[in-house]
Structure formats: structure tokens, C-alpha cells
Amino acid sequence: MVLALSAPLLILLALVSMASRRGTQRLEAVPALMIGTGLLVSSGLRRAQRRRILLEALRLAAPGQASSTEQGPGGSGVNGVGG
């Protein structure tokens, strides 16, 4: 959870730093702002790509096809052995 908050906190730190400085010293906070924004954007794009791939895989799966969590031809239990 800490890593999920690192990019927004970096952006917040950069904004606070920019607000507290005057003149050309504000430019020192710009790299942190750009890096935090880039991390958020790339994370969002990666998440959207993974979701798209998962959705396509679910759509391509045959509805009658048995999954690994369903019972096999032997009935109940693991490897067709009842318990």
C-alpha cells in the first residue's frame, strides 16, 4: 500500500514545495512533479492494458469449457477421488 501512495505523495510534496518557494526556486520542484505525474499515468495505462487483456481472454473463453476449479469427470474431490 505504501508504494501505491508514493506517486501521489510525491506530487503533493512537489506542490507544497512550489507553494512555499518564491521566484526561480519554484523550478526545483518541477522534476518531482513531472516524475510523480509520469508514474501515475504509466500506472493507469498499465492497469487499463491488463484489464483489457483479461476482458479479451474472458470473452474468448468458451462458455461450456470446464475450468480448473470445476469438478472433473470423476465426480467430487481432488483428482476424481471422493472424500
PDB file of N, CA and C in Angstrom:
ATOM      1  N   MET A   1       0.818  -1.190   0.000  1.00  0.00           N
ATOM      2  CA  MET A   1       0.000   0.000   0.000  1.00  0.00           C
ATOM      3  C   MET A   1       0.866   1.260   0.000  1.00  0.00           C
ATOM      4  N   VAL A   2       2.020   1.163   0.599  1.00  0.00           N
ATOM      5  CA  VAL A   2       2.901   2.326   0.651  1.00  0.00           C
ATOM      6  C   VAL A   2       3.356   2.716  -0.751  1.00  0.00           C
ATOM      7  N   LEU A   3       3.659   1.739  -1.589  1.00  0.00           N
ATOM      8  CA  LEU A   3       4.105   2.053  -2.944  1.00  0.00           C
ATOM      9  C   LEU A   3       2.983   2.658  -3.766  1.00  0.00           C
ATOM     10  N   ALA A   4       1.740   2.287  -3.497  1.00  0.00           N
ATOM     11  CA  ALA A   4       0.613   2.851  -4.230  1.00  0.00           C
ATOM     12  C   ALA A   4       0.436   4.329  -3.907  1.00  0.00           C
ATOM     13  N   LEU A   5       0.867   4.737  -2.740  1.00  0.00           N
ATOM     14  CA  LEU A   5       0.733   6.132  -2.336  1.00  0.00           C
ATOM     15  C   LEU A   5       1.953   6.982  -2.671  1.00  0.00           C
ATOM     16  N   SER A   6       3.015   6.366  -3.125  1.00  0.00           N
ATOM     17  CA  SER A   6       4.252   7.116  -3.327  1.00  0.00           C
ATOM     18  C   SER A   6       4.140   8.175  -4.423  1.00  0.00           C
ATOM     19  N   ALA A   7       3.518   7.854  -5.549  1.00  0.00           N
ATOM     20  CA  ALA A   7       3.416   8.836  -6.629  1.00  0.00           C
ATOM     21  C   ALA A   7       2.520  10.015  -6.240  1.00  0.00           C
ATOM     22  N   PRO A   8       1.322   9.773  -5.675  1.00  0.00           N
ATOM     23  CA  PRO A   8       0.522  10.932  -5.257  1.00  0.00           C
ATOM     24  C   PRO A   8       1.207  11.768  -4.167  1.00  0.00           C
ATOM     25  N   LEU A   9       1.920  11.109  -3.259  1.00  0.00           N
ATOM     26  CA  LEU A   9       2.624  11.862  -2.217  1.00  0.00           C
ATOM     27  C   LEU A   9       3.780  12.676  -2.802  1.00  0.00           C
ATOM     28  N   LEU A  10       4.431  12.141  -3.823  1.00  0.00           N
ATOM     29  CA  LEU A  10       5.495  12.892  -4.496  1.00  0.00           C
ATOM     30  C   LEU A  10       4.925  14.133  -5.162  1.00  0.00           C
ATOM     31  N   ILE A  11       3.768  13.997  -5.781  1.00  0.00           N
ATOM     32  CA  ILE A  11       3.111  15.146  -6.411  1.00  0.00           C
ATOM     33  C   ILE A  11       2.716  16.166  -5.347  1.00  0.00           C
ATOM     34  N   LEU A  12       2.154  15.685  -4.242  1.00  0.00           N
ATOM     35  CA  LEU A  12       1.772  16.586  -3.157  1.00  0.00           C
ATOM     36  C   LEU A  12       2.976  17.326  -2.591  1.00  0.00           C
ATOM     37  N   LEU A  13       4.066  16.607  -2.398  1.00  0.00           N
ATOM     38  CA  LEU A  13       5.290  17.228  -1.895  1.00  0.00           C
ATOM     39  C   LEU A  13       5.799  18.297  -2.857  1.00  0.00           C
ATOM     40  N   ALA A  14       5.737  18.007  -4.151  1.00  0.00           N
ATOM     41  CA  ALA A  14       6.187  18.984  -5.141  1.00  0.00           C
ATOM     42  C   ALA A  14       5.298  20.217  -5.132  1.00  0.00           C
ATOM     43  N   LEU A  15       3.989  20.034  -4.997  1.00  0.00           N
ATOM     44  CA  LEU A  15       3.082  21.178  -4.969  1.00  0.00           C
ATOM     45  C   LEU A  15       3.278  22.027  -3.718  1.00  0.00           C
ATOM     46  N   VAL A  16       3.474  21.367  -2.579  1.00  0.00           N
ATOM     47  CA  VAL A  16       3.735  22.109  -1.343  1.00  0.00           C
ATOM     48  C   VAL A  16       5.057  22.865  -1.458  1.00  0.00           C
ATOM     49  N   SER A  17       6.047  22.221  -2.042  1.00  0.00           N
ATOM     50  CA  SER A  17       7.340  22.860  -2.221  1.00  0.00           C
ATOM     51  C   SER A  17       7.236  24.069  -3.155  1.00  0.00           C
ATOM     52  N   MET A  18       6.450  23.918  -4.210  1.00  0.00           N
ATOM     53  CA  MET A  18       6.269  25.037  -5.140  1.00  0.00           C
ATOM     54  C   MET A  18       5.529  26.191  -4.467  1.00  0.00           C
ATOM     55  N   ALA A  19       4.577  25.879  -3.608  1.00  0.00           N
ATOM     56  CA  ALA A  19       3.801  26.928  -2.945  1.00  0.00           C
ATOM     57  C   ALA A  19       4.627  27.675  -1.911  1.00  0.00           C
ATOM     58  N   SER A  20       5.587  26.985  -1.316  1.00  0.00           N
ATOM     59  CA  SER A  20       6.350  27.615  -0.244  1.00  0.00           C
ATOM     60  C   SER A  20       7.566  28.382  -0.749  1.00  0.00           C
ATOM     61  N   ARG A  21       7.896  28.255  -2.023  1.00  0.00           N
ATOM     62  CA  ARG A  21       9.083  28.928  -2.563  1.00  0.00           C
ATOM     63  C   ARG A  21       8.687  30.116  -3.424  1.00  0.00           C
ATOM     64  N   ARG A  22       9.640  30.960  -3.673  1.00  0.00           N
ATOM     65  CA  ARG A  22       9.406  32.161  -4.476  1.00  0.00           C
ATOM     66  C   ARG A  22      10.362  32.187  -5.664  1.00  0.00           C
ATOM     67  N   GLY A  23       9.898  32.788  -6.721  1.00  0.00           N
ATOM     68  CA  GLY A  23      10.749  33.047  -7.877  1.00  0.00           C
ATOM     69  C   GLY A  23      11.253  31.799  -8.569  1.00  0.00           C
ATOM     70  N   THR A  24      12.547  31.825  -8.878  1.00  0.00           N
ATOM     71  CA  THR A  24      13.143  30.738  -9.647  1.00  0.00           C
ATOM     72  C   THR A  24      13.363  29.472  -8.812  1.00  0.00           C
ATOM     73  N   GLN A  25      13.226  29.584  -7.492  1.00  0.00           N
ATOM     74  CA  GLN A  25      13.375  28.395  -6.655  1.00  0.00           C
ATOM     75  C   GLN A  25      12.224  27.411  -6.850  1.00  0.00           C
ATOM     76  N   ARG A  26      11.132  27.898  -7.398  1.00  0.00           N
ATOM     77  CA  ARG A  26       9.999  27.010  -7.671  1.00  0.00           C
ATOM     78  C   ARG A  26      10.354  25.954  -8.713  1.00  0.00           C
ATOM     79  N   LEU A  27      11.283  26.274  -9.580  1.00  0.00           N
ATOM     80  CA  LEU A  27      11.664  25.336 -10.638  1.00  0.00           C
ATOM     81  C   LEU A  27      12.297  24.065 -10.085  1.00  0.00           C
ATOM     82  N   GLU A  28      12.816  24.119  -8.860  1.00  0.00           N
ATOM     83  CA  GLU A  28      13.431  22.937  -8.266  1.00  0.00           C
ATOM     84  C   GLU A  28      12.411  21.845  -7.967  1.00  0.00           C
ATOM     85  N   ALA A  29      11.143  22.195  -7.849  1.00  0.00           N
ATOM     86  CA  ALA A  29      10.101  21.221  -7.547  1.00  0.00           C
ATOM     87  C   ALA A  29       9.495  20.605  -8.812  1.00  0.00           C
ATOM     88  N   VAL A  30       9.778  21.172  -9.960  1.00  0.00           N
ATOM     89  CA  VAL A  30       9.187  20.683 -11.212  1.00  0.00           C
ATOM     90  C   VAL A  30       9.581  19.237 -11.532  1.00  0.00           C
ATOM     91  N   PRO A  31      10.844  18.823 -11.374  1.00  0.00           N
ATOM     92  CA  PRO A  31      11.171  17.423 -11.678  1.00  0.00           C
ATOM     93  C   PRO A  31      10.381  16.417 -10.822  1.00  0.00           C
ATOM     94  N   ALA A  32      10.195  16.700  -9.548  1.00  0.00           N
ATOM     95  CA  ALA A  32       9.414  15.800  -8.696  1.00  0.00           C
ATOM     96  C   ALA A  32       7.961  15.750  -9.159  1.00  0.00           C
ATOM     97  N   LEU A  33       7.428  16.885  -9.561  1.00  0.00           N
ATOM     98  CA  LEU A  33       6.061  16.942 -10.057  1.00  0.00           C
ATOM     99  C   LEU A  33       5.913  16.130 -11.342  1.00  0.00           C
ATOM    100  N   MET A  34       6.863  16.264 -12.246  1.00  0.00           N
ATOM    101  CA  MET A  34       6.800  15.536 -13.519  1.00  0.00           C
ATOM    102  C   MET A  34       6.979  14.029 -13.313  1.00  0.00           C
ATOM    103  N   ILE A  35       7.879  13.644 -12.433  1.00  0.00           N
ATOM    104  CA  ILE A  35       8.104  12.220 -12.172  1.00  0.00           C
ATOM    105  C   ILE A  35       6.866  11.599 -11.529  1.00  0.00           C
ATOM    106  N   GLY A  36       6.287  12.267 -10.540  1.00  0.00           N
ATOM    107  CA  GLY A  36       5.081  11.748  -9.901  1.00  0.00           C
ATOM    108  C   GLY A  36       3.934  11.621 -10.885  1.00  0.00           C
ATOM    109  N   THR A  37       3.755  12.618 -11.736  1.00  0.00           N
ATOM    110  CA  THR A  37       2.705  12.574 -12.746  1.00  0.00           C
ATOM    111  C   THR A  37       2.959  11.447 -13.738  1.00  0.00           C
ATOM    112  N   GLY A  38       4.194  11.296 -14.158  1.00  0.00           N
ATOM    113  CA  GLY A  38       4.537  10.211 -15.088  1.00  0.00           C
ATOM    114  C   GLY A  38       4.280   8.837 -14.492  1.00  0.00           C
ATOM    115  N   LEU A  39       4.602   8.671 -13.214  1.00  0.00           N
ATOM    116  CA  LEU A  39       4.344   7.388 -12.551  1.00  0.00           C
ATOM    117  C   LEU A  39       2.855   7.083 -12.482  1.00  0.00           C
ATOM    118  N   LEU A  40       2.048   8.099 -12.178  1.00  0.00           N
ATOM    119  CA  LEU A  40       0.601   7.889 -12.123  1.00  0.00           C
ATOM    120  C   LEU A  40       0.030   7.536 -13.490  1.00  0.00           C
ATOM    121  N   VAL A  41       0.472   8.238 -14.516  1.00  0.00           N
ATOM    122  CA  VAL A  41      -0.037   7.986 -15.869  1.00  0.00           C
ATOM    123  C   VAL A  41       0.372   6.596 -16.345  1.00  0.00           C
ATOM    124  N   SER A  42       1.637   6.232 -16.150  1.00  0.00           N
ATOM    125  CA  SER A  42       2.087   4.922 -16.616  1.00  0.00           C
ATOM    126  C   SER A  42       1.395   3.800 -15.841  1.00  0.00           C
ATOM    127  N   SER A  43       1.156   4.002 -14.558  1.00  0.00           N
ATOM    128  CA  SER A  43       0.448   3.002 -13.762  1.00  0.00           C
ATOM    129  C   SER A  43      -0.985   2.835 -14.257  1.00  0.00           C
ATOM    130  N   GLY A  44      -1.641   3.936 -14.558  1.00  0.00           N
ATOM    131  CA  GLY A  44      -3.004   3.869 -15.074  1.00  0.00           C
ATOM    132  C   GLY A  44      -3.082   3.187 -16.425  1.00  0.00           C
ATOM    133  N   LEU A  45      -2.127   3.490 -17.293  1.00  0.00           N
ATOM    134  CA  LEU A  45      -2.106   2.850 -18.615  1.00  0.00           C
ATOM    135  C   LEU A  45      -1.839   1.354 -18.507  1.00  0.00           C
ATOM    136  N   ARG A  46      -0.914   0.980 -17.625  1.00  0.00           N
ATOM    137  CA  ARG A  46      -0.603  -0.436 -17.417  1.00  0.00           C
ATOM    138  C   ARG A  46      -1.815  -1.191 -16.870  1.00  0.00           C
ATOM    139  N   ARG A  47      -2.511  -0.575 -15.923  1.00  0.00           N
ATOM    140  CA  ARG A  47      -3.697  -1.199 -15.337  1.00  0.00           C
ATOM    141  C   ARG A  47      -4.787  -1.373 -16.394  1.00  0.00           C
ATOM    142  N   ALA A  48      -4.994  -0.359 -17.225  1.00  0.00           N
ATOM    143  CA  ALA A  48      -6.003  -0.444 -18.284  1.00  0.00           C
ATOM    144  C   ALA A  48      -5.646  -1.530 -19.297  1.00  0.00           C
ATOM    145  N   GLN A  49      -4.361  -1.660 -19.620  1.00  0.00           N
ATOM    146  CA  GLN A  49      -3.930  -2.685 -20.558  1.00  0.00           C
ATOM    147  C   GLN A  49      -4.154  -4.081 -19.994  1.00  0.00           C
ATOM    148  N   ARG A  50      -3.834  -4.285 -18.711  1.00  0.00           N
ATOM    149  CA  ARG A  50      -4.058  -5.596 -18.083  1.00  0.00           C
ATOM    150  C   ARG A  50      -5.539  -5.936 -18.037  1.00  0.00           C
ATOM    151  N   ARG A  51      -6.375  -4.941 -17.750  1.00  0.00           N
ATOM    152  CA  ARG A  51      -7.816  -5.184 -17.715  1.00  0.00           C
ATOM    153  C   ARG A  51      -8.352  -5.521 -19.099  1.00  0.00           C
ATOM    154  N   ARG A  52      -7.841  -4.842 -20.127  1.00  0.00           N
ATOM    155  CA  ARG A  52      -8.277  -5.110 -21.495  1.00  0.00           C
ATOM    156  C   ARG A  52      -7.898  -6.527 -21.917  1.00  0.00           C
ATOM    157  N   ILE A  53      -6.677  -6.947 -21.573  1.00  0.00           N
ATOM    158  CA  ILE A  53      -6.223  -8.296 -21.905  1.00  0.00           C
ATOM    159  C   ILE A  53      -7.068  -9.337 -21.187  1.00  0.00           C
ATOM    160  N   LEU A  54      -7.369  -9.099 -19.922  1.00  0.00           N
ATOM    161  CA  LEU A  54      -8.192 -10.027 -19.154  1.00  0.00           C
ATOM    162  C   LEU A  54      -9.597 -10.115 -19.734  1.00  0.00           C
ATOM    163  N   LEU A  55     -10.179  -8.980 -20.109  1.00  0.00           N
ATOM    164  CA  LEU A  55     -11.514  -8.983 -20.700  1.00  0.00           C
ATOM    165  C   LEU A  55     -11.536  -9.744 -22.017  1.00  0.00           C
ATOM    166  N   GLU A  56     -10.517  -9.559 -22.855  1.00  0.00           N
ATOM    167  CA  GLU A  56     -10.442 -10.290 -24.118  1.00  0.00           C
ATOM    168  C   GLU A  56     -10.316 -11.786 -23.876  1.00  0.00           C
ATOM    169  N   ALA A  57      -9.520 -12.176 -22.887  1.00  0.00           N
ATOM    170  CA  ALA A  57      -9.366 -13.599 -22.574  1.00  0.00           C
ATOM    171  C   ALA A  57     -10.677 -14.190 -22.074  1.00  0.00           C
ATOM    172  N   LEU A  58     -11.415 -13.434 -21.292  1.00  0.00           N
ATOM    173  CA  LEU A  58     -12.704 -13.922 -20.804  1.00  0.00           C
ATOM    174  C   LEU A  58     -13.722 -14.035 -21.932  1.00  0.00           C
ATOM    175  N   ARG A  59     -13.674 -13.110 -22.864  1.00  0.00           N
ATOM    176  CA  ARG A  59     -14.607 -13.164 -23.998  1.00  0.00           C
ATOM    177  C   ARG A  59     -14.291 -14.322 -24.926  1.00  0.00           C
ATOM    178  N   LEU A  60     -13.008 -14.671 -25.068  1.00  0.00           N
ATOM    179  CA  LEU A  60     -12.614 -15.750 -25.972  1.00  0.00           C
ATOM    180  C   LEU A  60     -12.825 -17.130 -25.366  1.00  0.00           C
ATOM    181  N   ALA A  61     -12.926 -17.194 -24.047  1.00  0.00           N
ATOM    182  CA  ALA A  61     -13.111 -18.495 -23.386  1.00  0.00           C
ATOM    183  C   ALA A  61     -14.483 -19.041 -23.761  1.00  0.00           C
ATOM    184  N   ALA A  62     -14.512 -20.327 -24.104  1.00  0.00           N
ATOM    185  CA  ALA A  62     -15.772 -20.966 -24.465  1.00  0.00           C
ATOM    186  C   ALA A  62     -16.636 -21.119 -23.214  1.00  0.00           C
ATOM    187  N   PRO A  63     -17.937 -20.801 -23.305  1.00  0.00           N
ATOM    188  CA  PRO A  63     -18.779 -20.867 -22.115  1.00  0.00           C
ATOM    189  C   PRO A  63     -18.949 -22.275 -21.568  1.00  0.00           C
ATOM    190  N   GLY A  64     -18.890 -23.317 -22.397  1.00  0.00           N
ATOM    191  CA  GLY A  64     -19.071 -24.687 -21.942  1.00  0.00           C
ATOM    192  C   GLY A  64     -17.785 -25.347 -21.509  1.00  0.00           C
ATOM    193  N   GLN A  65     -16.676 -24.643 -21.632  1.00  0.00           N
ATOM    194  CA  GLN A  65     -15.373 -25.219 -21.309  1.00  0.00           C
ATOM    195  C   GLN A  65     -15.188 -25.272 -19.796  1.00  0.00           C
ATOM    196  N   ALA A  66     -14.748 -26.421 -19.265  1.00  0.00           N
ATOM    197  CA  ALA A  66     -14.558 -26.584 -17.824  1.00  0.00           C
ATOM    198  C   ALA A  66     -13.294 -25.861 -17.398  1.00  0.00           C
ATOM    199  N   SER A  67     -13.385 -25.188 -16.269  1.00  0.00           N
ATOM    200  CA  SER A  67     -12.198 -24.517 -15.744  1.00  0.00           C
ATOM    201  C   SER A  67     -11.516 -25.415 -14.737  1.00  0.00           C
ATOM    202  N   SER A  68     -10.372 -25.001 -14.258  1.00  0.00           N
ATOM    203  CA  SER A  68      -9.611 -25.829 -13.327  1.00  0.00           C
ATOM    204  C   SER A  68     -10.257 -25.893 -11.957  1.00  0.00           C
ATOM    205  N   THR A  69     -11.191 -24.999 -11.648  1.00  0.00           N
ATOM    206  CA  THR A  69     -11.825 -25.016 -10.334  1.00  0.00           C
ATOM    207  C   THR A  69     -13.077 -25.886 -10.304  1.00  0.00           C
ATOM    208  N   GLU A  70     -13.550 -26.312 -11.475  1.00  0.00           N
ATOM    209  CA  GLU A  70     -14.742 -27.150 -11.504  1.00  0.00           C
ATOM    210  C   GLU A  70     -14.357 -28.603 -11.285  1.00  0.00           C
ATOM    211  N   GLN A  71     -15.362 -29.426 -10.975  1.00  0.00           N
ATOM    212  CA  GLN A  71     -15.113 -30.841 -10.749  1.00  0.00           C
ATOM    213  C   GLN A  71     -14.832 -31.549 -12.058  1.00  0.00           C
ATOM    214  N   GLY A  72     -13.956 -32.497 -11.999  1.00  0.00           N
ATOM    215  CA  GLY A  72     -13.598 -33.264 -13.175  1.00  0.00           C
ATOM    216  C   GLY A  72     -14.600 -34.384 -13.424  1.00  0.00           C
ATOM    217  N   PRO A  73     -14.297 -35.292 -14.362  1.00  0.00           N
ATOM    218  CA  PRO A  73     -15.230 -36.365 -14.722  1.00  0.00           C
ATOM    219  C   PRO A  73     -15.405 -37.393 -13.606  1.00  0.00           C
ATOM    220  N   GLY A  74     -14.552 -37.421 -12.629  1.00  0.00           N
ATOM    221  CA  GLY A  74     -14.645 -38.419 -11.577  1.00  0.00           C
ATOM    222  C   GLY A  74     -15.604 -38.055 -10.474  1.00  0.00           C
ATOM    223  N   GLY A  75     -16.223 -36.918 -10.530  1.00  0.00           N
ATOM    224  CA  GLY A  75     -17.164 -36.531  -9.502  1.00  0.00           C
ATOM    225  C   GLY A  75     -16.547 -35.515  -8.567  1.00  0.00           C
ATOM    226  N   SER A  76     -16.780 -35.679  -7.292  1.00  0.00           N
ATOM    227  CA  SER A  76     -16.291 -34.697  -6.340  1.00  0.00           C
ATOM    228  C   SER A  76     -14.901 -35.045  -5.841  1.00  0.00           C
ATOM    229  N   GLY A  77     -14.271 -34.097  -5.209  1.00  0.00           N
ATOM    230  CA  GLY A  77     -12.954 -34.338  -4.632  1.00  0.00           C
ATOM    231  C   GLY A  77     -11.844 -33.973  -5.566  1.00  0.00           C
ATOM    232  N   VAL A  78     -10.625 -34.138  -5.096  1.00  0.00           N
ATOM    233  CA  VAL A  78      -9.440 -33.802  -5.854  1.00  0.00           C
ATOM    234  C   VAL A  78      -9.049 -35.000  -6.727  1.00  0.00           C
ATOM    235  N   ASN A  79      -8.753 -34.750  -7.981  1.00  0.00           N
ATOM    236  CA  ASN A  79      -8.352 -35.780  -8.941  1.00  0.00           C
ATOM    237  C   ASN A  79      -9.369 -36.920  -9.032  1.00  0.00           C
ATOM    238  N   GLY A  80     -10.645 -36.586  -8.858  1.00  0.00           N
ATOM    239  CA  GLY A  80     -11.682 -37.600  -9.027  1.00  0.00           C
ATOM    240  C   GLY A  80     -11.815 -38.534  -7.845  1.00  0.00           C
ATOM    241  N   VAL A  81     -11.105 -38.282  -6.774  1.00  0.00           N
ATOM    242  CA  VAL A  81     -11.176 -39.135  -5.596  1.00  0.00           C
ATOM    243  C   VAL A  81     -12.102 -38.487  -4.595  1.00  0.00           C
ATOM    244  N   GLY A  82     -13.158 -39.189  -4.234  1.00  0.00           N
ATOM    245  CA  GLY A  82     -14.143 -38.641  -3.284  1.00  0.00           C
ATOM    246  C   GLY A  82     -13.596 -38.686  -1.871  1.00  0.00           C
ATOM    247  N   GLY A  83     -14.250 -37.936  -0.997  1.00  0.00           N
ATOM    248  CA  GLY A  83     -13.698 -37.898   0.334  1.00  0.00           C
ATOM    249  C   GLY A  83     -14.672 -37.935   1.406  1.00  0.00           C
TER     250      GLY A  83
END
